[in-house]
C-alpha atoms as a PDB file:
ATOM      1  CA  MET A   1       0.116   0.121   0.148  1.00  0.00           C
ATOM      2  CA  THR A   2       2.707   2.285  -0.685  1.00  0.00           C
ATOM      3  CA  ASN A   3       1.569   3.747  -3.901  1.00  0.00           C
ATOM      4  CA  PRO A   4      -0.500   7.280  -3.381  1.00  0.00           C
ATOM      5  CA  GLU A   5      -2.926   7.323  -5.573  1.00  0.00           C
ATOM      6  CA  PHE A   6      -3.933   3.638  -4.623  1.00  0.00           C
ATOM      7  CA  GLY A   7      -3.746   5.160  -0.681  1.00  0.00           C
ATOM      8  CA  ILE A   8      -6.007   7.402  -1.549  1.00  0.00           C
ATOM      9  CA  ALA A   9      -8.353   5.683  -3.491  1.00  0.00           C
ATOM     10  CA  LEU A  10      -8.605   2.765  -0.263  1.00  0.00           C
ATOM     11  CA  VAL A  11      -9.519   6.111   1.890  1.00  0.00           C
ATOM     12  CA  ASP A  12     -12.094   7.045  -0.612  1.00  0.00           C
ATOM     13  CA  ALA A  13     -13.404   3.432  -1.034  1.00  0.00           C
ATOM     14  CA  ALA A  14     -13.435   2.464   3.126  1.00  0.00           C
ATOM     15  CA  SER A  15     -14.968   5.629   3.405  1.00  0.00           C
ATOM     16  CA  ALA A  16     -17.715   5.183   2.084  1.00  0.00           C
ATOM     17  CA  ASN A  17     -18.517   2.345   3.941  1.00  0.00           C
ATOM     18  CA  VAL A  18     -17.925   4.107   6.947  1.00  0.00           C
ATOM     19  CA  VAL A  19     -19.852   7.351   8.495  1.00  0.00           C
ATOM     20  CA  GLY A  20     -18.202   9.884   9.915  1.00  0.00           C
ATOM     21  CA  ARG A  21     -14.604   8.358   9.974  1.00  0.00           C
ATOM     22  CA  ARG A  22     -12.583   9.494   7.180  1.00  0.00           C
ATOM     23  CA  ARG A  23      -9.724  10.370   9.514  1.00  0.00           C
ATOM     24  CA  GLU A  24      -9.514   7.426  11.681  1.00  0.00           C
ATOM     25  CA  ILE A  25      -9.708   5.312   7.831  1.00  0.00           C
ATOM     26  CA  GLU A  26      -6.307   7.480   7.063  1.00  0.00           C
ATOM     27  CA  LEU A  27      -4.760   6.983   9.886  1.00  0.00           C
ATOM     28  CA  VAL A  28      -5.252   3.412   9.830  1.00  0.00           C
ATOM     29  CA  VAL A  29      -4.610   3.206   6.024  1.00  0.00           C
ATOM     30  CA  ALA A  30      -0.671   5.215   6.649  1.00  0.00           C
ATOM     31  CA  ALA A  31      -0.043   3.054   9.681  1.00  0.00           C
ATOM     32  CA  LEU A  32      -0.541  -0.066   7.463  1.00  0.00           C
ATOM     33  CA  ALA A  33       1.036   1.341   4.583  1.00  0.00           C
ATOM     34  CA  SER A  34       4.419   2.100   6.963  1.00  0.00           C
ATOM     35  CA  ALA A  35       4.540  -1.705   8.028  1.00  0.00           C
ATOM     36  CA  ARG A  36       2.999  -0.183  11.250  1.00  0.00           C
ATOM     37  CA  HIS A  37       0.642  -1.989  14.264  1.00  0.00           C
ATOM     38  CA  ILE A  38      -2.210  -0.427  15.458  1.00  0.00           C
ATOM     39  CA  LEU A  39      -4.002   0.458  18.370  1.00  0.00           C
ATOM     40  CA  LEU A  40      -7.791   1.743  17.830  1.00  0.00           C
ATOM     41  CA  GLU A  41      -9.369   2.715  21.533  1.00  0.00           C
ATOM     42  CA  GLY A  42     -12.772   4.318  21.838  1.00  0.00           C
ATOM     43  CA  PRO A  43     -16.012   3.091  23.933  1.00  0.00           C
ATOM     44  CA  PRO A  44     -17.825   0.313  22.840  1.00  0.00           C
ATOM     45  CA  GLY A  45     -20.195   0.548  19.453  1.00  0.00           C
ATOM     46  CA  THR A  46     -17.859   3.416  18.073  1.00  0.00           C
ATOM     47  CA  GLY A  47     -17.406   1.291  14.766  1.00  0.00           C
ATOM     48  CA  LYS A  48     -13.441   0.249  15.312  1.00  0.00           C
ATOM     49  CA  SER A  49     -14.612  -2.736  13.854  1.00  0.00           C
ATOM     50  CA  THR A  50     -16.918  -1.601  11.263  1.00  0.00           C
ATOM     51  CA  LEU A  51     -13.116   0.319   9.993  1.00  0.00           C
ATOM     52  CA  LEU A  52     -10.724  -1.799  10.209  1.00  0.00           C
ATOM     53  CA  ARG A  53     -13.171  -4.416   7.961  1.00  0.00           C
ATOM     54  CA  ALA A  54     -13.532  -1.714   5.193  1.00  0.00           C
ATOM     55  CA  VAL A  55     -10.297  -1.064   5.052  1.00  0.00           C
ATOM     56  CA  ALA A  56      -9.526  -4.570   4.830  1.00  0.00           C
ATOM     57  CA  GLU A  57     -11.692  -5.167   2.296  1.00  0.00           C
ATOM     58  CA  HIS A  58     -10.845  -3.028  -0.077  1.00  0.00           C
ATOM     59  CA  ALA A  59      -7.389  -3.378   0.004  1.00  0.00           C
ATOM     60  CA  GLY A  60      -8.008  -7.317  -0.620  1.00  0.00           C
ATOM     61  CA  GLN A  61      -6.051  -7.832   2.558  1.00  0.00           C
ATOM     62  CA  ARG A  62      -6.953 -11.078   4.955  1.00  0.00           C
ATOM     63  CA  LEU A  63      -8.776 -10.365   7.880  1.00  0.00           C
ATOM     64  CA  VAL A  64      -7.726 -12.537  11.189  1.00  0.00           C
ATOM     65  CA  PHE A  65     -10.476 -12.041  13.889  1.00  0.00           C
ATOM     66  CA  VAL A  66      -9.413 -12.604  17.652  1.00  0.00           C
ATOM     67  CA  GLU A  67     -11.697 -12.182  20.356  1.00  0.00           C
ATOM     68  CA  GLY A  68      -9.955 -11.258  23.703  1.00  0.00           C
ATOM     69  CA  ASN A  69     -10.461 -12.548  26.668  1.00  0.00           C
ATOM     70  CA  ALA A  70      -9.632 -13.971  29.962  1.00  0.00           C
ATOM     71  CA  GLU A  71      -9.651 -17.613  27.936  1.00  0.00           C
ATOM     72  CA  LEU A  72      -6.830 -16.388  24.716  1.00  0.00           C
ATOM     73  CA  THR A  73      -4.227 -18.962  26.166  1.00  0.00           C
ATOM     74  CA  PRO A  74      -0.425 -18.447  24.087  1.00  0.00           C
ATOM     75  CA  ALA A  75      -1.431 -21.643  22.639  1.00  0.00           C
ATOM     76  CA  ARG A  76      -4.841 -20.722  21.853  1.00  0.00           C
ATOM     77  CA  LEU A  77      -3.393 -18.155  20.230  1.00  0.00           C
ATOM     78  CA  ALA A  78      -0.394 -19.740  18.031  1.00  0.00           C
ATOM     79  CA  GLY A  79      -1.589 -22.730  17.605  1.00  0.00           C
ATOM     80  CA  HIS A  80      -0.736 -26.075  18.398  1.00  0.00           C
ATOM     81  CA  PHE A  81       0.440 -29.795  18.074  1.00  0.00           C
ATOM     82  CA  ASP A  82      -2.429 -32.012  17.358  1.00  0.00           C
ATOM     83  CA  PRO A  83      -1.515 -34.504  20.007  1.00  0.00           C
ATOM     84  CA  ALA A  84      -3.162 -37.848  18.580  1.00  0.00           C
ATOM     85  CA  GLN A  85      -1.268 -36.892  15.204  1.00  0.00           C
ATOM     86  CA  VAL A  86       2.164 -36.122  17.429  1.00  0.00           C
ATOM     87  CA  LEU A  87       1.133 -40.279  19.180  1.00  0.00           C
ATOM     88  CA  SER A  88       1.771 -42.052  15.453  1.00  0.00           C
ATOM     89  CA  GLN A  89       3.747 -39.265  13.689  1.00  0.00           C
ATOM     90  CA  GLY A  90       5.666 -37.382  16.558  1.00  0.00           C
ATOM     91  CA  TYR A  91       6.391 -33.518  16.379  1.00  0.00           C
ATOM     92  CA  ILE A  92       6.130 -32.927  12.544  1.00  0.00           C
ATOM     93  CA  GLU A  93       5.110 -29.715  10.974  1.00  0.00           C
ATOM     94  CA  ASP A  94       2.329 -31.259   9.385  1.00  0.00           C
ATOM     95  CA  VAL A  95       0.982 -32.248  12.629  1.00  0.00           C
ATOM     96  CA  TYR A  96       0.903 -28.385  14.042  1.00  0.00           C
ATOM     97  CA  ILE A  97      -2.878 -27.279  14.083  1.00  0.00           C
ATOM     98  CA  ASP A  98      -2.442 -23.144  13.271  1.00  0.00           C
ATOM     99  CA  GLY A  99      -3.683 -20.523  16.287  1.00  0.00           C
ATOM    100  CA  PRO A 100      -5.021 -17.265  14.440  1.00  0.00           C
ATOM    101  CA  LEU A 101      -1.469 -15.891  14.902  1.00  0.00           C
ATOM    102  CA  ILE A 102       0.552 -18.189  13.296  1.00  0.00           C
ATOM    103  CA  ASP A 103      -1.884 -17.783  10.263  1.00  0.00           C
ATOM    104  CA  ALA A 104      -1.546 -14.247  10.086  1.00  0.00           C
ATOM    105  CA  LEU A 105       2.192 -14.284  10.065  1.00  0.00           C
ATOM    106  CA  ARG A 106       2.771 -17.267   7.741  1.00  0.00           C
ATOM    107  CA  ASN A 107      -0.322 -15.359   4.836  1.00  0.00           C
ATOM    108  CA  GLY A 108       0.345 -11.910   5.595  1.00  0.00           C
ATOM    109  CA  GLY A 109      -3.129 -11.282   7.215  1.00  0.00           C
ATOM    110  CA  LEU A 110      -3.709  -8.339   9.287  1.00  0.00           C
ATOM    111  CA  LEU A 111      -4.675 -10.042  13.198  1.00  0.00           C
ATOM    112  CA  TYR A 112      -7.016  -7.988  14.644  1.00  0.00           C
ATOM    113  CA  VAL A 113      -7.302  -8.906  18.483  1.00  0.00           C
ATOM    114  CA  GLU A 114     -10.128  -7.275  19.608  1.00  0.00           C
ATOM    115  CA  GLU A 115     -11.023  -6.070  23.498  1.00  0.00           C
ATOM    116  CA  ILE A 116      -6.936  -7.067  23.781  1.00  0.00           C
ATOM    117  CA  ASN A 117      -7.060  -5.308  27.573  1.00  0.00           C
ATOM    118  CA  ARG A 118      -8.992  -8.185  28.556  1.00  0.00           C
ATOM    119  CA  VAL A 119      -6.111 -10.988  27.414  1.00  0.00           C
ATOM    120  CA  PRO A 120      -3.945 -12.331  29.925  1.00  0.00           C
ATOM    121  CA  GLU A 121      -0.522 -10.776  30.188  1.00  0.00           C
ATOM    122  CA  GLU A 122       1.051 -14.052  29.381  1.00  0.00           C
ATOM    123  CA  THR A 123      -0.536 -13.885  25.784  1.00  0.00           C
ATOM    124  CA  LEU A 124       0.396 -10.532  25.394  1.00  0.00           C
ATOM    125  CA  ASN A 125       4.011 -10.956  26.028  1.00  0.00           C
ATOM    126  CA  LEU A 126       3.514 -13.435  22.922  1.00  0.00           C
ATOM    127  CA  LEU A 127       2.531 -10.246  21.074  1.00  0.00           C
ATOM    128  CA  VAL A 128       4.954  -7.840  22.131  1.00  0.00           C
ATOM    129  CA  THR A 129       7.918 -10.209  20.706  1.00  0.00           C
ATOM    130  CA  VAL A 130       5.581 -10.618  17.428  1.00  0.00           C
ATOM    131  CA  MET A 131       5.705  -7.300  17.115  1.00  0.00           C
ATOM    132  CA  SER A 132       9.854  -6.424  18.407  1.00  0.00           C
ATOM    133  CA  GLU A 133      11.078  -9.663  16.306  1.00  0.00           C
ATOM    134  CA  ALA A 134       8.862  -9.816  13.563  1.00  0.00           C
ATOM    135  CA  GLU A 135       9.096 -13.934  14.009  1.00  0.00           C
ATOM    136  CA  LEU A 136       7.792 -15.864  16.713  1.00  0.00           C
ATOM    137  CA  THR A 137       9.937 -19.799  17.552  1.00  0.00           C
ATOM    138  CA  VAL A 138       7.671 -21.843  18.546  1.00  0.00           C
ATOM    139  CA  PRO A 139       9.498 -24.702  20.648  1.00  0.00           C
ATOM    140  CA  ARG A 140       9.246 -28.483  18.278  1.00  0.00           C
ATOM    141  CA  LEU A 141       8.035 -26.315  15.049  1.00  0.00           C
ATOM    142  CA  GLY A 142      10.483 -23.540  14.658  1.00  0.00           C
ATOM    143  CA  ARG A 143      10.698 -20.338  13.311  1.00  0.00           C
ATOM    144  CA  ILE A 144       8.382 -18.608  11.678  1.00  0.00           C
ATOM    145  CA  GLN A 145       8.962 -15.376   9.889  1.00  0.00           C
ATOM    146  CA  ALA A 146       6.405 -12.968   9.495  1.00  0.00           C
ATOM    147  CA  HIS A 147       4.622 -12.781   5.648  1.00  0.00           C
ATOM    148  CA  PRO A 148       5.802  -8.916   4.641  1.00  0.00           C
ATOM    149  CA  ASN A 149       2.115  -7.502   5.007  1.00  0.00           C
ATOM    150  CA  PHE A 150       1.017  -8.993   8.839  1.00  0.00           C
ATOM    151  CA  ARG A 151       0.700  -7.051  10.849  1.00  0.00           C
ATOM    152  CA  LEU A 152      -1.297  -6.465  14.242  1.00  0.00           C
ATOM    153  CA  VAL A 153      -4.577  -4.636  14.414  1.00  0.00           C
ATOM    154  CA  ALA A 154      -5.909  -4.354  18.281  1.00  0.00           C
ATOM    155  CA  ALA A 155      -9.019  -2.629  20.057  1.00  0.00           C
ATOM    156  CA  MET A 156     -10.029  -1.648  23.610  1.00  0.00           C
ATOM    157  CA  ASN A 157     -13.019   0.155  24.966  1.00  0.00           C
ATOM    158  CA  PRO A 158     -11.770   2.209  28.060  1.00  0.00           C
ATOM    159  CA  PHE A 159      -9.783   1.464  30.812  1.00  0.00           C
ATOM    160  CA  ASP A 160     -12.594   1.620  32.996  1.00  0.00           C
ATOM    161  CA  ALA A 161     -15.111  -0.964  31.668  1.00  0.00           C
ATOM    162  CA  VAL A 162     -15.933  -3.754  33.479  1.00  0.00           C
ATOM    163  CA  GLY A 163     -13.176  -6.822  32.936  1.00  0.00           C
ATOM    164  CA  THR A 164     -10.898  -4.750  31.151  1.00  0.00           C
ATOM    165  CA  ALA A 165      -7.415  -4.186  33.259  1.00  0.00           C
ATOM    166  CA  ARG A 166      -4.294  -1.612  31.756  1.00  0.00           C
ATOM    167  CA  ILE A 167      -2.795  -2.857  29.084  1.00  0.00           C
ATOM    168  CA  ALA A 168       2.012  -3.169  29.458  1.00  0.00           C
ATOM    169  CA  GLY A 169       3.922   0.069  28.632  1.00  0.00           C
ATOM    170  CA  ALA A 170       5.693  -2.775  26.427  1.00  0.00           C
ATOM    171  CA  ILE A 171       2.337  -2.403  24.146  1.00  0.00           C
ATOM    172  CA  TYR A 172       1.871   1.190  23.705  1.00  0.00           C
ATOM    173  CA  ASP A 173       5.361   1.516  22.606  1.00  0.00           C
ATOM    174  CA  ARG A 174       4.894  -0.750  19.778  1.00  0.00           C
ATOM    175  CA  VAL A 175       2.075   0.338  18.651  1.00  0.00           C
ATOM    176  CA  ASN A 176       0.305   3.427  17.137  1.00  0.00           C
ATOM    177  CA  ARG A 177      -2.425   4.573  19.448  1.00  0.00           C
ATOM    178  CA  VAL A 178      -5.906   5.677  16.779  1.00  0.00           C
ATOM    179  CA  SER A 179      -8.602   7.886  19.536  1.00  0.00           C
ATOM    180  CA  VAL A 180     -11.756   6.642  17.867  1.00  0.00           C
ATOM    181  CA  ASP A 181     -14.425   8.304  19.845  1.00  0.00           C
ATOM    182  CA  TYR A 182     -18.599   9.030  19.683  1.00  0.00           C
ATOM    183  CA  GLN A 183     -19.798  10.223  16.503  1.00  0.00           C
ATOM    184  CA  SER A 184     -21.063  13.658  15.764  1.00  0.00           C
ATOM    185  CA  GLU A 185     -24.863  14.025  16.428  1.00  0.00           C
ATOM    186  CA  ALA A 186     -25.523  14.775  12.489  1.00  0.00           C
ATOM    187  CA  ASP A 187     -23.107  11.010  11.719  1.00  0.00           C
ATOM    188  CA  GLU A 188     -24.946   9.309  14.113  1.00  0.00           C
ATOM    189  CA  GLN A 189     -28.155  10.298  12.853  1.00  0.00           C
ATOM    190  CA  ALA A 190     -27.188   9.256   8.784  1.00  0.00           C
ATOM    191  CA  ILE A 191     -26.053   5.503  10.788  1.00  0.00           C
ATOM    192  CA  VAL A 192     -29.573   5.228  12.032  1.00  0.00           C
ATOM    193  CA  ALA A 193     -31.043   6.650   9.044  1.00  0.00           C
ATOM    194  CA  ARG A 194     -28.836   3.783   7.267  1.00  0.00           C
ATOM    195  CA  GLU A 195     -29.651   1.382   9.281  1.00  0.00           C
ATOM    196  CA  ALA A 196     -33.559   1.260   9.421  1.00  0.00           C
ATOM    197  CA  PRO A 197     -33.991   4.278   5.961  1.00  0.00           C
ATOM    198  CA  ALA A 198     -37.859   3.250   6.853  1.00  0.00           C
ATOM    199  CA  THR A 199     -37.683   5.312   9.982  1.00  0.00           C
ATOM    200  CA  PRO A 200     -39.306   8.765  10.422  1.00  0.00           C
ATOM    201  CA  ILE A 201     -36.880  11.359  10.753  1.00  0.00           C
ATOM    202  CA  ALA A 202     -38.519  12.576  14.267  1.00  0.00           C
ATOM    203  CA  LEU A 203     -37.658   9.200  15.455  1.00  0.00           C
ATOM    204  CA  ALA A 204     -34.255   8.454  14.554  1.00  0.00           C
ATOM    205  CA  GLU A 205     -33.692  11.639  15.616  1.00  0.00           C
ATOM    206  CA  ARG A 206     -35.378  11.559  19.104  1.00  0.00           C
ATOM    207  CA  ALA A 207     -33.801   8.008  19.784  1.00  0.00           C
ATOM    208  CA  VAL A 208     -30.057   9.901  18.816  1.00  0.00           C
ATOM    209  CA  ARG A 209     -31.189  12.631  21.215  1.00  0.00           C
ATOM    210  CA  CYS A 210     -31.979  10.131  24.045  1.00  0.00           C
ATOM    211  CA  VAL A 211     -28.592   8.411  23.216  1.00  0.00           C
ATOM    212  CA  ARG A 212     -26.407  10.788  23.541  1.00  0.00           C
ATOM    213  CA  THR A 213     -27.721  12.090  26.944  1.00  0.00           C
ATOM    214  CA  THR A 214     -27.115   9.151  28.322  1.00  0.00           C
ATOM    215  CA  ARG A 215     -23.862   9.942  28.334  1.00  0.00           C
ATOM    216  CA  ASN A 216     -23.318  12.574  30.484  1.00  0.00           C
ATOM    217  CA  HIS A 217     -25.939  12.163  32.354  1.00  0.00           C
ATOM    218  CA  PRO A 218     -25.414  12.932  36.199  1.00  0.00           C
ATOM    219  CA  ASP A 219     -26.687   9.323  37.326  1.00  0.00           C
ATOM    220  CA  ILE A 220     -25.004   6.979  34.372  1.00  0.00           C
ATOM    221  CA  ARG A 221     -21.376   6.346  34.260  1.00  0.00           C
ATOM    222  CA  ILE A 222     -21.604   4.447  30.573  1.00  0.00           C
ATOM    223  CA  GLY A 223     -23.813   5.813  27.943  1.00  0.00           C
ATOM    224  CA  SER A 224     -24.745   3.930  25.217  1.00  0.00           C
ATOM    225  CA  SER A 225     -23.694   4.036  21.765  1.00  0.00           C
ATOM    226  CA  ILE A 226     -25.371   4.578  18.427  1.00  0.00           C
ATOM    227  CA  ARG A 227     -26.490   0.996  18.321  1.00  0.00           C
ATOM    228  CA  GLY A 228     -29.014   1.978  21.207  1.00  0.00           C
ATOM    229  CA  ALA A 229     -30.624   4.589  18.928  1.00  0.00           C
ATOM    230  CA  ILE A 230     -30.337   1.781  15.792  1.00  0.00           C
ATOM    231  CA  ASP A 231     -32.699  -0.671  18.683  1.00  0.00           C
ATOM    232  CA  LEU A 232     -34.960   1.859  20.046  1.00  0.00           C
ATOM    233  CA  VAL A 233     -36.401   2.610  16.209  1.00  0.00           C
ATOM    234  CA  MET A 234     -36.716  -1.084  15.420  1.00  0.00           C
ATOM    235  CA  LEU A 235     -38.624  -1.979  18.325  1.00  0.00           C
ATOM    236  CA  ALA A 236     -40.703   0.986  18.317  1.00  0.00           C
ATOM    237  CA  GLU A 237     -41.679   0.335  14.783  1.00  0.00           C
ATOM    238  CA  GLN A 238     -42.484  -3.140  15.458  1.00  0.00           C
ATOM    239  CA  LEU A 239     -44.211  -2.395  18.848  1.00  0.00           C
ATOM    240  CA  GLY A 240     -46.315   0.339  16.637  1.00  0.00           C
ATOM    241  CA  ASN A 241     -47.327  -2.939  14.498  1.00  0.00           C
ATOM    242  CA  LEU A 242     -48.444  -4.914  17.337  1.00  0.00           C
ATOM    243  CA  ARG A 243     -50.502  -2.701  18.714  1.00  0.00           C
ATOM    244  CA  GLY A 244     -51.907  -0.601  16.004  1.00  0.00           C
ATOM    245  CA  ALA A 245     -50.422   1.949  16.604  1.00  0.00           C
ATOM    246  CA  THR A 246     -47.556   3.809  14.777  1.00  0.00           C
ATOM    247  CA  CYS A 247     -43.473   4.181  15.625  1.00  0.00           C
ATOM    248  CA  LEU A 248     -44.236   7.708  16.546  1.00  0.00           C
ATOM    249  CA  ASP A 249     -46.823   6.616  19.844  1.00  0.00           C
ATOM    250  CA  ASN A 250     -45.322   8.392  22.588  1.00  0.00           C
ATOM    251  CA  GLU A 251     -45.508   4.540  25.039  1.00  0.00           C
ATOM    252  CA  CYS A 252     -44.406   2.255  22.317  1.00  0.00           C
ATOM    253  CA  GLY A 253     -41.299   5.154  21.997  1.00  0.00           C
ATOM    254  CA  LEU A 254     -40.732   4.482  25.889  1.00  0.00           C
ATOM    255  CA  ASP A 255     -41.185   1.372  25.328  1.00  0.00           C
ATOM    256  CA  ALA A 256     -39.000   0.024  23.011  1.00  0.00           C
ATOM    257  CA  ALA A 257     -36.216   2.929  24.724  1.00  0.00           C
ATOM    258  CA  LYS A 258     -36.417   1.245  28.196  1.00  0.00           C
ATOM    259  CA  ALA A 259     -35.623  -2.166  26.528  1.00  0.00           C
ATOM    260  CA  SER A 260     -32.916  -0.993  24.186  1.00  0.00           C
ATOM    261  CA  LEU A 261     -31.076   1.497  26.484  1.00  0.00           C
ATOM    262  CA  SER A 262     -31.511   0.116  30.131  1.00  0.00           C
ATOM    263  CA  GLY A 263     -29.178  -2.817  29.663  1.00  0.00           C
ATOM    264  CA  ARG A 264     -26.656  -0.666  27.886  1.00  0.00           C
ATOM    265  CA  VAL A 265     -25.565   1.615  30.153  1.00  0.00           C
ATOM    266  CA  ARG A 266     -23.472   1.314  33.676  1.00  0.00           C
ATOM    267  CA  MET A 267     -25.677   3.514  36.201  1.00  0.00           C
ATOM    268  CA  HIS A 268     -22.996   5.133  39.203  1.00  0.00           C
ATOM    269  CA  GLU A 269     -23.163   3.187  42.504  1.00  0.00           C
ATOM    270  CA  SER A 270     -24.563   6.241  44.208  1.00  0.00           C
ATOM    271  CA  SER A 271     -26.968   7.156  41.754  1.00  0.00           C
ATOM    272  CA  GLY A 272     -29.975   5.082  44.008  1.00  0.00           C
ATOM    273  CA  ARG A 273     -31.963   4.711  40.865  1.00  0.00           C
ATOM    274  CA  SER A 274     -33.453   2.144  38.173  1.00  0.00           C
ATOM    275  CA  PRO A 275     -32.267   2.029  34.626  1.00  0.00           C
ATOM    276  CA  GLU A 276     -35.907   2.262  33.520  1.00  0.00           C
ATOM    277  CA  GLU A 277     -36.317   5.310  35.280  1.00  0.00           C
ATOM    278  CA  VAL A 278     -33.381   7.335  34.171  1.00  0.00           C
ATOM    279  CA  VAL A 279     -34.083   6.056  30.616  1.00  0.00           C
ATOM    280  CA  ALA A 280     -38.004   7.111  31.011  1.00  0.00           C
ATOM    281  CA  GLU A 281     -36.686  10.273  32.046  1.00  0.00           C
ATOM    282  CA  ILE A 282     -34.039  11.245  29.170  1.00  0.00           C
ATOM    283  CA  TRP A 283     -37.263   9.780  26.993  1.00  0.00           C
ATOM    284  CA  LYS A 284     -39.848  12.548  27.947  1.00  0.00           C
ATOM    285  CA  LEU A 285     -37.131  15.500  27.751  1.00  0.00           C
ATOM    286  CA  SER A 286     -35.737  14.249  24.244  1.00  0.00           C
ATOM    287  CA  GLY A 287     -39.678  15.051  23.096  1.00  0.00           C
ATOM    288  CA  LEU A 288     -39.503  18.503  25.137  1.00  0.00           C
ATOM    289  CA  SER A 289     -38.421  21.495  23.490  1.00  0.00           C
ATOM    290  CA  PRO A 290     -35.360  23.169  24.619  1.00  0.00           C
ATOM    291  CA  ASP A 291     -37.415  25.915  26.601  1.00  0.00           C
ATOM    292  CA  GLU A 292     -39.624  23.274  28.117  1.00  0.00           C
ATOM    293  CA  VAL A 293     -36.530  21.205  28.877  1.00  0.00           C
ATOM    294  CA  ASP A 294     -35.089  24.001  31.113  1.00  0.00           C
ATOM    295  CA  GLU A 295     -39.143  24.562  32.505  1.00  0.00           C
ATOM    296  CA  ASP A 296     -39.562  20.783  33.341  1.00  0.00           C
ATOM    297  CA  SER A 297     -36.137  21.047  35.028  1.00  0.00           C
ATOM    298  CA  GLY A 298     -36.417  23.833  36.974  1.00  0.00           C
ATOM    299  CA  LYS A 299     -39.825  22.003  38.669  1.00  0.00           C
ATOM    300  CA  ALA A 300     -37.497  19.152  39.425  1.00  0.00           C
END
């Protein structure tokens, strides 16, 4: 990807698939073209996976996906010898089952490790070695040299997400960090319109206002991603059909908001309120004009 014309065409093509992420796509393409490894860091639902899949697809490069979790051991990442075959044939390369890491190393794929800050430290050490040496030595198998097109792309959510840990400085020192924050309100409305094109504009706008409010509400520690707005409008439409109403019916919208947002938000422990109660408040405020919001808040 060193050809500037190809790089520009790649950015244009990937940007057509991802709303409001051209700058981030440019950074990812530039890093890949420079043979650098990448860390995409941002809240859930901000399009990190979508962005990378679009770049890989239009670049014609294979994407090897790994889900980061506490069960991702070095053997699961790198691979292992088939025990039954070892008994009959011994430790030969033909009986080694490649894990995603060695698969990407051999074939020049993009190894995408999702939620890298959930991965055990001993497994992270394996990735540090690969990034530093561009090779991996496996006992009884030997040395595996990284294909020239091999790249590691990791993604992680903010540290304060439940179950996450701070990753070692050795990882940060070997990657280019691309921050992926929430999109603008206009971009999020465009995402809802793309995913639910039949949704009335008024409902889509209200749904987006709701999810954006969850991100700065005093009772909520972690708000909803745009996925919450997409689910809200789709549920409201189906509820309207079941109840003989329209998706713009307030009760349909309220029930859809509770179902789609209450499980996505994380409340402050000191709040003392239920997620459903706070979502109901947000839904009410999202349907008021700015003057009415001020008046309603004053009454509170």
